[in-house]
Amino acid sequence: MPKLRVISGSDVVKILESFGFVIVRQRGSHIKLKRLSVSESKEILTVPNHKEIDRGTLNGLIKQCSKFVPETELRKHFYN
């Protein structure tokens, strides 16, 4: 399995915005993103806005994102 890239919170937000998520609000160092799906259900993700996201946290974000975005699409952005 390929290794996770070292990535910042703002980079994760840019990647998720390319999949149709928009920033709803920011409280402290956490950014909340939302997108409406085809079935009109709300898809909400919270991303820590840190200079470098820990691998465990990034892995958790990828698992949450894979509920909404195909994992094959996510691999291009998050793995080497």
PDB file of N, CA and C in Angstrom:
ATOM      1  N   MET A   1       0.845  -1.174   0.000  1.00  0.00           N
ATOM      2  CA  MET A   1       0.000   0.000   0.000  1.00  0.00           C
ATOM      3  C   MET A   1       0.896   1.245   0.000  1.00  0.00           C
ATOM      4  N   PRO A   2       0.563   2.249  -0.798  1.00  0.00           N
ATOM      5  CA  PRO A   2       1.378   3.458  -0.834  1.00  0.00           C
ATOM      6  C   PRO A   2       1.289   4.237   0.478  1.00  0.00           C
ATOM      7  N   LYS A   3       2.294   5.077   0.711  1.00  0.00           N
ATOM      8  CA  LYS A   3       2.345   5.858   1.933  1.00  0.00           C
ATOM      9  C   LYS A   3       1.506   7.130   1.797  1.00  0.00           C
ATOM     10  N   LEU A   4       0.984   7.582   2.936  1.00  0.00           N
ATOM     11  CA  LEU A   4       0.260   8.846   2.975  1.00  0.00           C
ATOM     12  C   LEU A   4       1.236  10.000   2.789  1.00  0.00           C
ATOM     13  N   ARG A   5       0.807  11.010   2.055  1.00  0.00           N
ATOM     14  CA  ARG A   5       1.628  12.199   1.890  1.00  0.00           C
ATOM     15  C   ARG A   5       1.533  13.073   3.137  1.00  0.00           C
ATOM     16  N   VAL A   6       2.536  13.897   3.362  1.00  0.00           N
ATOM     17  CA  VAL A   6       2.475  14.913   4.405  1.00  0.00           C
ATOM     18  C   VAL A   6       1.699  16.069   3.798  1.00  0.00           C
ATOM     19  N   ILE A   7       0.607  16.443   4.443  1.00  0.00           N
ATOM     20  CA  ILE A   7      -0.312  17.407   3.840  1.00  0.00           C
ATOM     21  C   ILE A   7      -0.858  18.327   4.925  1.00  0.00           C
ATOM     22  N   SER A   8      -1.159  19.556   4.553  1.00  0.00           N
ATOM     23  CA  SER A   8      -1.682  20.527   5.515  1.00  0.00           C
ATOM     24  C   SER A   8      -3.209  20.550   5.458  1.00  0.00           C
ATOM     25  N   GLY A   9      -3.794  21.159   6.461  1.00  0.00           N
ATOM     26  CA  GLY A   9      -5.249  21.273   6.506  1.00  0.00           C
ATOM     27  C   GLY A   9      -5.809  22.083   5.360  1.00  0.00           C
ATOM     28  N   SER A  10      -5.110  23.161   4.992  1.00  0.00           N
ATOM     29  CA  SER A  10      -5.601  23.988   3.879  1.00  0.00           C
ATOM     30  C   SER A  10      -5.536  23.226   2.559  1.00  0.00           C
ATOM     31  N   ASP A  11      -4.543  22.342   2.409  1.00  0.00           N
ATOM     32  CA  ASP A  11      -4.474  21.507   1.204  1.00  0.00           C
ATOM     33  C   ASP A  11      -5.642  20.521   1.154  1.00  0.00           C
ATOM     34  N   VAL A  12      -5.997  19.945   2.300  1.00  0.00           N
ATOM     35  CA  VAL A  12      -7.131  19.023   2.359  1.00  0.00           C
ATOM     36  C   VAL A  12      -8.419  19.756   1.990  1.00  0.00           C
ATOM     37  N   VAL A  13      -8.567  20.977   2.476  1.00  0.00           N
ATOM     38  CA  VAL A  13      -9.754  21.769   2.156  1.00  0.00           C
ATOM     39  C   VAL A  13      -9.827  22.022   0.651  1.00  0.00           C
ATOM     40  N   LYS A  14      -8.709  22.355   0.019  1.00  0.00           N
ATOM     41  CA  LYS A  14      -8.688  22.587  -1.431  1.00  0.00           C
ATOM     42  C   LYS A  14      -9.076  21.322  -2.197  1.00  0.00           C
ATOM     43  N   ILE A  15      -8.566  20.178  -1.738  1.00  0.00           N
ATOM     44  CA  ILE A  15      -8.902  18.909  -2.387  1.00  0.00           C
ATOM     45  C   ILE A  15     -10.397  18.642  -2.273  1.00  0.00           C
ATOM     46  N   LEU A  16     -10.956  18.832  -1.072  1.00  0.00           N
ATOM     47  CA  LEU A  16     -12.381  18.565  -0.876  1.00  0.00           C
ATOM     48  C   LEU A  16     -13.252  19.572  -1.633  1.00  0.00           C
ATOM     49  N   GLU A  17     -12.780  20.799  -1.787  1.00  0.00           N
ATOM     50  CA  GLU A  17     -13.532  21.775  -2.579  1.00  0.00           C
ATOM     51  C   GLU A  17     -13.599  21.352  -4.036  1.00  0.00           C
ATOM     52  N   SER A  18     -12.578  20.653  -4.519  1.00  0.00           N
ATOM     53  CA  SER A  18     -12.614  20.165  -5.896  1.00  0.00           C
ATOM     54  C   SER A  18     -13.672  19.075  -6.087  1.00  0.00           C
ATOM     55  N   PHE A  19     -14.109  18.445  -4.980  1.00  0.00           N
ATOM     56  CA  PHE A  19     -15.163  17.439  -5.027  1.00  0.00           C
ATOM     57  C   PHE A  19     -16.539  18.030  -4.718  1.00  0.00           C
ATOM     58  N   GLY A  20     -16.636  19.351  -4.621  1.00  0.00           N
ATOM     59  CA  GLY A  20     -17.931  19.988  -4.434  1.00  0.00           C
ATOM     60  C   GLY A  20     -18.261  20.401  -3.016  1.00  0.00           C
ATOM     61  N   PHE A  21     -17.354  20.214  -2.086  1.00  0.00           N
ATOM     62  CA  PHE A  21     -17.589  20.662  -0.716  1.00  0.00           C
ATOM     63  C   PHE A  21     -17.344  22.161  -0.625  1.00  0.00           C
ATOM     64  N   VAL A  22     -18.071  22.838   0.240  1.00  0.00           N
ATOM     65  CA  VAL A  22     -17.879  24.269   0.479  1.00  0.00           C
ATOM     66  C   VAL A  22     -17.682  24.498   1.975  1.00  0.00           C
ATOM     67  N   ILE A  23     -16.914  25.522   2.291  1.00  0.00           N
ATOM     68  CA  ILE A  23     -16.677  25.863   3.696  1.00  0.00           C
ATOM     69  C   ILE A  23     -17.936  26.490   4.263  1.00  0.00           C
ATOM     70  N   VAL A  24     -18.422  25.908   5.357  1.00  0.00           N
ATOM     71  CA  VAL A  24     -19.611  26.422   6.023  1.00  0.00           C
ATOM     72  C   VAL A  24     -19.206  27.393   7.119  1.00  0.00           C
ATOM     73  N   ARG A  25     -18.239  26.964   7.940  1.00  0.00           N
ATOM     74  CA  ARG A  25     -17.770  27.827   9.010  1.00  0.00           C
ATOM     75  C   ARG A  25     -16.440  27.319   9.530  1.00  0.00           C
ATOM     76  N   GLN A  26     -15.790  28.189  10.316  1.00  0.00           N
ATOM     77  CA  GLN A  26     -14.557  27.805  10.979  1.00  0.00           C
ATOM     78  C   GLN A  26     -14.646  28.265  12.419  1.00  0.00           C
ATOM     79  N   ARG A  27     -14.316  27.373  13.307  1.00  0.00           N
ATOM     80  CA  ARG A  27     -14.296  27.703  14.722  1.00  0.00           C
ATOM     81  C   ARG A  27     -12.952  27.250  15.271  1.00  0.00           C
ATOM     82  N   GLY A  28     -12.136  28.214  15.662  1.00  0.00           N
ATOM     83  CA  GLY A  28     -10.788  27.886  16.099  1.00  0.00           C
ATOM     84  C   GLY A  28      -9.983  27.365  14.930  1.00  0.00           C
ATOM     85  N   SER A  29      -9.382  26.212  15.098  1.00  0.00           N
ATOM     86  CA  SER A  29      -8.551  25.657  14.032  1.00  0.00           C
ATOM     87  C   SER A  29      -9.259  24.540  13.271  1.00  0.00           C
ATOM     88  N   HIS A  30     -10.573  24.455  13.372  1.00  0.00           N
ATOM     89  CA  HIS A  30     -11.307  23.411  12.661  1.00  0.00           C
ATOM     90  C   HIS A  30     -12.253  24.035  11.641  1.00  0.00           C
ATOM     91  N   ILE A  31     -12.194  23.506  10.430  1.00  0.00           N
ATOM     92  CA  ILE A  31     -13.020  23.990   9.322  1.00  0.00           C
ATOM     93  C   ILE A  31     -14.085  22.955   9.034  1.00  0.00           C
ATOM     94  N   LYS A  32     -15.331  23.401   8.955  1.00  0.00           N
ATOM     95  CA  LYS A  32     -16.441  22.507   8.657  1.00  0.00           C
ATOM     96  C   LYS A  32     -16.841  22.710   7.196  1.00  0.00           C
ATOM     97  N   LEU A  33     -16.871  21.615   6.446  1.00  0.00           N
ATOM     98  CA  LEU A  33     -17.238  21.637   5.028  1.00  0.00           C
ATOM     99  C   LEU A  33     -18.526  20.851   4.830  1.00  0.00           C
ATOM    100  N   LYS A  34     -19.313  21.287   3.845  1.00  0.00           N
ATOM    101  CA  LYS A  34     -20.599  20.629   3.588  1.00  0.00           C
ATOM    102  C   LYS A  34     -20.832  20.569   2.090  1.00  0.00           C
ATOM    103  N   ARG A  35     -21.563  19.541   1.695  1.00  0.00           N
ATOM    104  CA  ARG A  35     -22.020  19.458   0.305  1.00  0.00           C
ATOM    105  C   ARG A  35     -23.349  18.728   0.293  1.00  0.00           C
ATOM    106  N   LEU A  36     -24.212  19.102  -0.633  1.00  0.00           N
ATOM    107  CA  LEU A  36     -25.492  18.427  -0.804  1.00  0.00           C
ATOM    108  C   LEU A  36     -25.319  17.336  -1.844  1.00  0.00           C
ATOM    109  N   SER A  37     -25.758  16.139  -1.521  1.00  0.00           N
ATOM    110  CA  SER A  37     -25.641  15.037  -2.463  1.00  0.00           C
ATOM    111  C   SER A  37     -26.853  15.012  -3.383  1.00  0.00           C
ATOM    112  N   VAL A  38     -26.837  14.092  -4.298  1.00  0.00           N
ATOM    113  CA  VAL A  38     -27.931  13.957  -5.256  1.00  0.00           C
ATOM    114  C   VAL A  38     -29.241  13.647  -4.534  1.00  0.00           C
ATOM    115  N   SER A  39     -29.167  12.878  -3.455  1.00  0.00           N
ATOM    116  CA  SER A  39     -30.372  12.505  -2.714  1.00  0.00           C
ATOM    117  C   SER A  39     -30.750  13.564  -1.675  1.00  0.00           C
ATOM    118  N   GLU A  40     -30.166  14.771  -1.808  1.00  0.00           N
ATOM    119  CA  GLU A  40     -30.459  15.901  -0.929  1.00  0.00           C
ATOM    120  C   GLU A  40     -30.059  15.664   0.522  1.00  0.00           C
ATOM    121  N   SER A  41     -29.179  14.708   0.778  1.00  0.00           N
ATOM    122  CA  SER A  41     -28.686  14.510   2.138  1.00  0.00           C
ATOM    123  C   SER A  41     -27.443  15.383   2.330  1.00  0.00           C
ATOM    124  N   LYS A  42     -27.237  15.847   3.541  1.00  0.00           N
ATOM    125  CA  LYS A  42     -26.088  16.698   3.841  1.00  0.00           C
ATOM    126  C   LYS A  42     -24.876  15.831   4.125  1.00  0.00           C
ATOM    127  N   GLU A  43     -23.778  16.173   3.498  1.00  0.00           N
ATOM    128  CA  GLU A  43     -22.516  15.485   3.731  1.00  0.00           C
ATOM    129  C   GLU A  43     -21.592  16.488   4.400  1.00  0.00           C
ATOM    130  N   ILE A  44     -21.236  16.247   5.663  1.00  0.00           N
ATOM    131  CA  ILE A  44     -20.461  17.193   6.453  1.00  0.00           C
ATOM    132  C   ILE A  44     -19.142  16.560   6.885  1.00  0.00           C
ATOM    133  N   LEU A  45     -18.056  17.308   6.726  1.00  0.00           N
ATOM    134  CA  LEU A  45     -16.724  16.877   7.153  1.00  0.00           C
ATOM    135  C   LEU A  45     -16.071  18.004   7.949  1.00  0.00           C
ATOM    136  N   THR A  46     -15.275  17.651   8.947  1.00  0.00           N
ATOM    137  CA  THR A  46     -14.532  18.624   9.727  1.00  0.00           C
ATOM    138  C   THR A  46     -13.050  18.354   9.550  1.00  0.00           C
ATOM    139  N   VAL A  47     -12.316  19.406   9.170  1.00  0.00           N
ATOM    140  CA  VAL A  47     -10.888  19.279   8.888  1.00  0.00           C
ATOM    141  C   VAL A  47     -10.112  20.204   9.819  1.00  0.00           C
ATOM    142  N   PRO A  48      -9.092  19.683  10.520  1.00  0.00           N
ATOM    143  CA  PRO A  48      -8.259  20.564  11.334  1.00  0.00           C
ATOM    144  C   PRO A  48      -7.350  21.404  10.433  1.00  0.00           C
ATOM    145  N   ASN A  49      -7.304  22.688  10.670  1.00  0.00           N
ATOM    146  CA  ASN A  49      -6.493  23.587   9.851  1.00  0.00           C
ATOM    147  C   ASN A  49      -5.104  23.720  10.468  1.00  0.00           C
ATOM    148  N   HIS A  50      -4.321  22.642  10.371  1.00  0.00           N
ATOM    149  CA  HIS A  50      -2.978  22.619  10.914  1.00  0.00           C
ATOM    150  C   HIS A  50      -1.968  22.637   9.771  1.00  0.00           C
ATOM    151  N   LYS A  51      -0.739  23.030  10.080  1.00  0.00           N
ATOM    152  CA  LYS A  51       0.301  23.067   9.050  1.00  0.00           C
ATOM    153  C   LYS A  51       0.612  21.672   8.526  1.00  0.00           C
ATOM    154  N   GLU A  52       0.531  20.696   9.416  1.00  0.00           N
ATOM    155  CA  GLU A  52       0.770  19.305   9.036  1.00  0.00           C
ATOM    156  C   GLU A  52      -0.202  18.428   9.809  1.00  0.00           C
ATOM    157  N   ILE A  53      -1.003  17.668   9.100  1.00  0.00           N
ATOM    158  CA  ILE A  53      -1.995  16.802   9.742  1.00  0.00           C
ATOM    159  C   ILE A  53      -1.331  15.461  10.054  1.00  0.00           C
ATOM    160  N   ASP A  54      -1.535  14.959  11.279  1.00  0.00           N
ATOM    161  CA  ASP A  54      -0.994  13.661  11.670  1.00  0.00           C
ATOM    162  C   ASP A  54      -1.543  12.565  10.763  1.00  0.00           C
ATOM    163  N   ARG A  55      -0.767  11.515  10.594  1.00  0.00           N
ATOM    164  CA  ARG A  55      -1.173  10.425   9.699  1.00  0.00           C
ATOM    165  C   ARG A  55      -2.453   9.743  10.157  1.00  0.00           C
ATOM    166  N   GLY A  56      -2.613   9.548  11.459  1.00  0.00           N
ATOM    167  CA  GLY A  56      -3.832   8.915  11.966  1.00  0.00           C
ATOM    168  C   GLY A  56      -5.057   9.763  11.701  1.00  0.00           C
ATOM    169  N   THR A  57      -4.924  11.064  11.896  1.00  0.00           N
ATOM    170  CA  THR A  57      -6.026  11.989  11.631  1.00  0.00           C
ATOM    171  C   THR A  57      -6.346  12.014  10.142  1.00  0.00           C
ATOM    172  N   LEU A  58      -5.310  12.055   9.319  1.00  0.00           N
ATOM    173  CA  LEU A  58      -5.508  12.059   7.872  1.00  0.00           C
ATOM    174  C   LEU A  58      -6.166  10.769   7.407  1.00  0.00           C
ATOM    175  N   ASN A  59      -5.763   9.656   7.991  1.00  0.00           N
ATOM    176  CA  ASN A  59      -6.369   8.364   7.652  1.00  0.00           C
ATOM    177  C   ASN A  59      -7.852   8.362   8.022  1.00  0.00           C
ATOM    178  N   GLY A  60      -8.190   8.938   9.170  1.00  0.00           N
ATOM    179  CA  GLY A  60      -9.593   9.048   9.570  1.00  0.00           C
ATOM    180  C   GLY A  60     -10.389   9.933   8.631  1.00  0.00           C
ATOM    181  N   LEU A  61      -9.783  11.035   8.187  1.00  0.00           N
ATOM    182  CA  LEU A  61     -10.450  11.922   7.231  1.00  0.00           C
ATOM    183  C   LEU A  61     -10.724  11.208   5.905  1.00  0.00           C
ATOM    184  N   ILE A  62      -9.744  10.421   5.474  1.00  0.00           N
ATOM    185  CA  ILE A  62      -9.918   9.683   4.216  1.00  0.00           C
ATOM    186  C   ILE A  62     -11.055   8.678   4.342  1.00  0.00           C
ATOM    187  N   LYS A  63     -11.147   8.001   5.496  1.00  0.00           N
ATOM    188  CA  LYS A  63     -12.239   7.048   5.713  1.00  0.00           C
ATOM    189  C   LYS A  63     -13.595   7.757   5.694  1.00  0.00           C
ATOM    190  N   GLN A  64     -13.666   8.946   6.313  1.00  0.00           N
ATOM    191  CA  GLN A  64     -14.919   9.705   6.294  1.00  0.00           C
ATOM    192  C   GLN A  64     -15.251  10.166   4.884  1.00  0.00           C
ATOM    193  N   CYS A  65     -14.247  10.645   4.159  1.00  0.00           N
ATOM    194  CA  CYS A  65     -14.462  11.123   2.794  1.00  0.00           C
ATOM    195  C   CYS A  65     -14.906  10.000   1.867  1.00  0.00           C
ATOM    196  N   SER A  66     -14.395   8.792   2.119  1.00  0.00           N
ATOM    197  CA  SER A  66     -14.726   7.678   1.226  1.00  0.00           C
ATOM    198  C   SER A  66     -16.199   7.284   1.311  1.00  0.00           C
ATOM    199  N   LYS A  67     -16.917   7.775   2.324  1.00  0.00           N
ATOM    200  CA  LYS A  67     -18.366   7.560   2.375  1.00  0.00           C
ATOM    201  C   LYS A  67     -19.070   8.376   1.299  1.00  0.00           C
ATOM    202  N   PHE A  68     -18.453   9.498   0.912  1.00  0.00           N
ATOM    203  CA  PHE A  68     -19.077  10.434  -0.020  1.00  0.00           C
ATOM    204  C   PHE A  68     -18.415  10.468  -1.398  1.00  0.00           C
ATOM    205  N   VAL A  69     -17.105  10.197  -1.442  1.00  0.00           N
ATOM    206  CA  VAL A  69     -16.325  10.276  -2.678  1.00  0.00           C
ATOM    207  C   VAL A  69     -15.660   8.920  -2.894  1.00  0.00           C
ATOM    208  N   PRO A  70     -15.645   8.398  -4.129  1.00  0.00           N
ATOM    209  CA  PRO A  70     -14.995   7.104  -4.373  1.00  0.00           C
ATOM    210  C   PRO A  70     -13.528   7.118  -3.928  1.00  0.00           C
ATOM    211  N   GLU A  71     -13.117   6.037  -3.286  1.00  0.00           N
ATOM    212  CA  GLU A  71     -11.770   5.972  -2.728  1.00  0.00           C
ATOM    213  C   GLU A  71     -10.698   6.023  -3.810  1.00  0.00           C
ATOM    214  N   THR A  72     -11.000   5.546  -5.006  1.00  0.00           N
ATOM    215  CA  THR A  72     -10.024   5.604  -6.089  1.00  0.00           C
ATOM    216  C   THR A  72      -9.700   7.049  -6.453  1.00  0.00           C
ATOM    217  N   GLU A  73     -10.682   7.929  -6.360  1.00  0.00           N
ATOM    218  CA  GLU A  73     -10.460   9.349  -6.644  1.00  0.00           C
ATOM    219  C   GLU A  73      -9.627   9.995  -5.537  1.00  0.00           C
ATOM    220  N   LEU A  74      -9.840   9.576  -4.296  1.00  0.00           N
ATOM    221  CA  LEU A  74      -9.128  10.153  -3.167  1.00  0.00           C
ATOM    222  C   LEU A  74      -7.659   9.740  -3.152  1.00  0.00           C
ATOM    223  N   ARG A  75      -7.361   8.535  -3.599  1.00  0.00           N
ATOM    224  CA  ARG A  75      -5.983   8.028  -3.566  1.00  0.00           C
ATOM    225  C   ARG A  75      -5.027   8.924  -4.343  1.00  0.00           C
ATOM    226  N   LYS A  76      -5.489   9.493  -5.443  1.00  0.00           N
ATOM    227  CA  LYS A  76      -4.640  10.362  -6.260  1.00  0.00           C
ATOM    228  C   LYS A  76      -4.113  11.543  -5.464  1.00  0.00           C
ATOM    229  N   HIS A  77      -4.921  12.028  -4.532  1.00  0.00           N
ATOM    230  CA  HIS A  77      -4.590  13.247  -3.820  1.00  0.00           C
ATOM    231  C   HIS A  77      -3.856  13.001  -2.503  1.00  0.00           C
ATOM    232  N   PHE A  78      -4.112  11.890  -1.841  1.00  0.00           N
ATOM    233  CA  PHE A  78      -3.601  11.690  -0.493  1.00  0.00           C
ATOM    234  C   PHE A  78      -2.434  10.718  -0.372  1.00  0.00           C
ATOM    235  N   TYR A  79      -2.201   9.900  -1.390  1.00  0.00           N
ATOM    236  CA  TYR A  79      -1.119   8.896  -1.331  1.00  0.00           C
ATOM    237  C   TYR A  79      -0.039   9.196  -2.357  1.00  0.00           C
ATOM    238  N   ASN A  80       1.205   8.775  -2.037  1.00  0.00           N
ATOM    239  CA  ASN A  80       2.323   8.929  -2.982  1.00  0.00           C
ATOM    240  C   ASN A  80       2.221   7.934  -4.093  1.00  0.00           C
TER     241      ASN A  80
END
